[in-house]
Amino acid sequence: MSFTALFAIWLLHLFAAISPGPSVLMSARIGVMQGMRAGTFVSIGIGISAVIWAAAALFGLAIIFEAAPALLWSLKILGGIYLVWLGWKMWKSADTPLEQAQDGALPRSDWSALRLGMITQLANPKPAIMFSAIFLGTVPPSAPVWVYVVILTLVFLNDTLWNVFVARLFSFDRSRRAYLGLKSHLDRCFGGLLALLGVKIAAT
């Protein structure tokens, strides 16, 4: 497999990783709510789950979805419901002061932040389809093991580093002060967008 093909996979996935979606919204919110450390662990969780979807695509998950479309439909419905539920929780707690909100359902430990990132990314099965489309024309069936390792490493780094950047951007004191001044409006915006993305995932 050529370097050009690997570069194409990296670039296509990078564009997908930086596009606004549930994971980016979650990284931004955790970064501003709980700071860089929690945002980093959320980002690592997102990267791990991106690798899970990419590995599934490499080993033929798209074929399973074609053979059993009800499985894809079920995953989309369950993932959409989860994201709508998260969005509703953000909307409902919009008027709660930041200190009290941090004592609620949002993660405080490294493990809970990692888990939130993983679940948020796994709630959207569409990356598996996107990965399948990217890999179909670029990864030959006879590719050696090192090619798979390189691809999955690129996927992890793209998703993790981009979301770390987003979390860092929102964890600055200036961003935090701006958030505190507009918390109720921004939380409703975050929650509403997350719920809409959940509906979109379930419906399309």
Protein backbone atom coordinates (compact mmCIF):
# COMPACT_ATOMS: atom_id res chain seq x y z
CA MET A 1 0.00 0.00 0.00
CA SER A 2 1.44 3.37 -1.01
CA PHE A 3 2.18 6.39 1.14
CA THR A 4 -0.21 8.38 -1.07
CA ALA A 5 -3.09 6.06 -0.15
CA LEU A 6 -2.30 6.33 3.56
CA PHE A 7 -2.10 10.11 3.24
CA ALA A 8 -5.50 10.16 1.51
CA ILE A 9 -7.03 8.11 4.35
CA TRP A 10 -5.49 10.44 6.94
CA LEU A 11 -6.74 13.56 5.16
CA LEU A 12 -10.26 12.28 4.50
CA HIS A 13 -10.66 11.17 8.09
CA LEU A 14 -9.23 14.43 9.41
CA PHE A 15 -11.91 16.36 7.53
CA ALA A 16 -14.52 14.04 9.03
CA ALA A 17 -13.07 14.42 12.54
CA ILE A 18 -13.11 18.21 12.50
CA SER A 19 -16.65 18.48 11.18
CA PRO A 20 -19.11 19.54 13.91
CA GLY A 21 -20.82 16.60 15.57
CA PRO A 22 -21.70 15.11 18.97
CA SER A 23 -18.06 14.41 19.87
CA VAL A 24 -16.87 17.94 19.11
CA LEU A 25 -19.78 19.42 21.07
CA MET A 26 -18.99 17.20 24.04
CA SER A 27 -15.28 18.09 23.98
CA ALA A 28 -16.11 21.79 23.94
CA ARG A 29 -18.60 21.53 26.77
CA ILE A 30 -16.42 19.42 29.04
CA GLY A 31 -13.45 21.68 28.31
CA VAL A 32 -15.31 24.78 29.42
CA MET A 33 -17.14 23.08 32.31
CA GLN A 34 -14.33 21.01 33.82
CA GLY A 35 -11.11 22.13 32.21
CA MET A 36 -8.33 20.68 30.12
CA ARG A 37 -7.72 17.44 32.04
CA ALA A 38 -11.32 16.23 31.80
CA GLY A 39 -11.47 17.42 28.19
CA THR A 40 -8.34 15.42 27.38
CA PHE A 41 -9.78 12.21 28.81
CA VAL A 42 -13.06 12.77 26.94
CA SER A 43 -10.99 13.21 23.77
CA ILE A 44 -9.05 10.00 24.40
CA GLY A 45 -12.35 8.17 24.85
CA ILE A 46 -13.57 9.60 21.54
CA GLY A 47 -10.36 8.44 19.87
CA ILE A 48 -10.69 4.90 21.29
CA SER A 49 -14.25 4.58 20.02
CA ALA A 50 -13.24 5.97 16.61
CA VAL A 51 -10.70 3.14 16.43
CA ILE A 52 -13.44 0.65 17.34
CA TRP A 53 -15.64 1.89 14.47
CA ALA A 54 -12.67 1.99 12.07
CA ALA A 55 -11.61 -1.55 13.00
CA ALA A 56 -15.20 -2.74 12.54
CA ALA A 57 -15.25 -1.14 9.08
CA LEU A 58 -11.93 -2.72 8.14
CA PHE A 59 -13.24 -6.14 9.10
CA GLY A 60 -16.52 -5.89 7.22
CA LEU A 61 -19.14 -4.28 9.44
CA ALA A 62 -20.65 -2.55 6.40
CA ILE A 63 -21.34 -5.96 4.87
CA ILE A 64 -23.17 -7.00 8.05
CA PHE A 65 -25.21 -3.79 7.94
CA GLU A 66 -26.17 -4.52 4.32
CA ALA A 67 -27.17 -8.07 5.18
CA ALA A 68 -29.03 -7.03 8.33
CA PRO A 69 -30.23 -3.43 7.91
CA ALA A 70 -32.32 -3.77 11.08
CA LEU A 71 -29.06 -3.89 13.05
CA LEU A 72 -27.93 -0.52 11.69
CA TRP A 73 -31.42 0.90 12.24
CA SER A 74 -31.41 -0.32 15.86
CA LEU A 75 -27.96 1.12 16.54
CA LYS A 76 -28.96 4.48 15.07
CA ILE A 77 -32.17 4.60 17.12
CA LEU A 78 -30.39 3.69 20.37
CA GLY A 79 -27.55 6.14 19.70
CA GLY A 80 -29.99 8.90 18.75
CA ILE A 81 -32.02 8.34 21.94
CA TYR A 82 -28.85 8.53 24.04
CA LEU A 83 -27.76 11.82 22.44
CA VAL A 84 -31.26 13.31 22.80
CA TRP A 85 -31.20 12.30 26.47
CA LEU A 86 -27.80 14.00 26.96
CA GLY A 87 -29.08 17.11 25.18
CA TRP A 88 -32.19 17.18 27.37
CA LYS A 89 -30.05 16.94 30.53
CA MET A 90 -27.94 19.90 29.35
CA TRP A 91 -31.05 21.91 28.51
CA LYS A 92 -32.70 21.09 31.84
CA SER A 93 -29.64 22.13 33.87
CA ALA A 94 -29.04 25.33 31.89
CA ASP A 95 -30.07 27.57 34.79
CA THR A 96 -28.12 25.58 37.41
CA PRO A 97 -25.00 27.41 38.68
CA LEU A 98 -21.73 25.93 37.41
CA GLU A 99 -20.62 24.64 40.82
CA GLN A 100 -23.86 22.73 41.32
CA ALA A 101 -23.87 21.43 37.73
CA GLN A 102 -20.43 19.91 38.27
CA ASP A 103 -21.83 17.86 41.13
CA GLY A 104 -24.41 16.34 38.80
CA ALA A 105 -24.10 13.89 35.93
CA LEU A 106 -21.14 15.45 34.12
CA PRO A 107 -17.88 13.56 34.62
CA ARG A 108 -15.35 14.56 37.27
CA SER A 109 -13.01 11.58 37.39
CA ASP A 110 -10.62 10.63 34.59
CA TRP A 111 -12.42 7.32 34.06
CA SER A 112 -15.88 8.89 33.86
CA ALA A 113 -14.60 11.48 31.37
CA LEU A 114 -13.01 8.72 29.27
CA ARG A 115 -16.23 6.70 29.42
CA LEU A 116 -18.34 9.69 28.38
CA GLY A 117 -16.13 10.28 25.35
CA MET A 118 -16.34 6.63 24.33
CA ILE A 119 -20.11 6.38 24.72
CA THR A 120 -20.70 9.66 22.88
CA GLN A 121 -18.69 8.44 19.89
CA LEU A 122 -20.16 4.92 19.97
CA ALA A 123 -23.68 6.40 20.03
CA ASN A 124 -23.18 7.39 16.39
CA PRO A 125 -22.74 4.30 14.13
CA LYS A 126 -22.36 6.42 11.01
CA PRO A 127 -18.54 6.58 11.28
CA ALA A 128 -18.48 2.85 10.50
CA ILE A 129 -20.21 3.57 7.19
CA MET A 130 -17.93 6.55 6.51
CA PHE A 131 -14.84 4.46 7.27
CA SER A 132 -16.10 1.69 4.99
CA ALA A 133 -16.46 4.17 2.12
CA ILE A 134 -12.93 5.50 2.70
CA PHE A 135 -11.31 2.09 3.07
CA LEU A 136 -13.14 0.45 0.16
CA GLY A 137 -11.05 2.11 -2.52
CA THR A 138 -7.80 2.54 -0.64
CA VAL A 139 -7.14 -0.57 1.49
CA PRO A 140 -6.53 -3.74 -0.56
CA PRO A 141 -7.81 -7.04 0.91
CA SER A 142 -4.22 -8.34 0.91
CA ALA A 143 -2.83 -5.41 2.95
CA PRO A 144 -0.28 -6.51 5.58
CA VAL A 145 -0.95 -6.13 9.31
CA TRP A 146 1.25 -3.04 9.62
CA VAL A 147 -1.09 -1.16 7.27
CA TYR A 148 -4.04 -1.81 9.59
CA VAL A 149 -1.97 -0.71 12.58
CA VAL A 150 -0.96 2.53 10.83
CA ILE A 151 -4.55 3.28 9.74
CA LEU A 152 -5.99 2.72 13.21
CA THR A 153 -3.21 4.83 14.73
CA LEU A 154 -3.99 7.67 12.32
CA VAL A 155 -7.69 7.43 13.19
CA PHE A 156 -6.93 7.58 16.92
CA LEU A 157 -4.58 10.54 16.57
CA ASN A 158 -6.94 12.51 14.30
CA ASP A 159 -9.94 12.20 16.58
CA THR A 160 -8.05 12.52 19.85
CA LEU A 161 -5.80 15.46 18.96
CA TRP A 162 -8.56 17.45 17.28
CA ASN A 163 -10.87 17.07 20.27
CA VAL A 164 -8.02 17.87 22.68
CA PHE A 165 -7.54 21.08 20.69
CA VAL A 166 -11.26 21.88 20.96
CA ALA A 167 -11.26 21.14 24.71
CA ARG A 168 -8.17 23.32 25.17
CA LEU A 169 -9.70 26.18 23.21
CA PHE A 170 -12.77 26.15 25.44
CA SER A 171 -10.82 25.63 28.68
CA PHE A 172 -9.00 28.99 28.54
CA ASP A 173 -9.94 31.44 31.29
CA ARG A 174 -11.34 33.86 28.73
CA SER A 175 -13.56 31.14 27.26
CA ARG A 176 -14.65 30.08 30.73
CA ARG A 177 -15.54 33.64 31.75
CA ALA A 178 -17.54 34.09 28.57
CA TYR A 179 -19.30 30.81 29.24
CA LEU A 180 -20.14 31.77 32.83
CA GLY A 181 -21.74 34.98 31.60
CA LEU A 182 -23.87 33.15 29.05
CA LYS A 183 -24.22 29.74 30.72
CA SER A 184 -27.98 29.33 30.47
CA HIS A 185 -28.05 30.34 26.79
CA LEU A 186 -24.99 28.29 25.83
CA ASP A 187 -26.17 25.20 27.69
CA ARG A 188 -29.48 25.36 25.88
CA CYS A 189 -27.58 25.79 22.62
CA PHE A 190 -25.29 22.81 23.39
CA GLY A 191 -28.22 20.70 24.54
CA GLY A 192 -30.43 21.63 21.62
CA LEU A 193 -27.72 20.92 19.05
CA LEU A 194 -26.86 17.59 20.65
CA ALA A 195 -30.52 16.56 20.68
CA LEU A 196 -30.93 17.62 17.04
CA LEU A 197 -27.88 15.61 16.06
CA GLY A 198 -29.36 12.63 17.90
CA VAL A 199 -32.61 12.99 15.95
CA LYS A 200 -30.66 13.34 12.69
CA ILE A 201 -28.63 10.20 13.39
CA ALA A 202 -31.77 8.21 14.20
CA ALA A 203 -33.74 9.52 11.22
CA THR A 204 -31.19 9.32 8.38
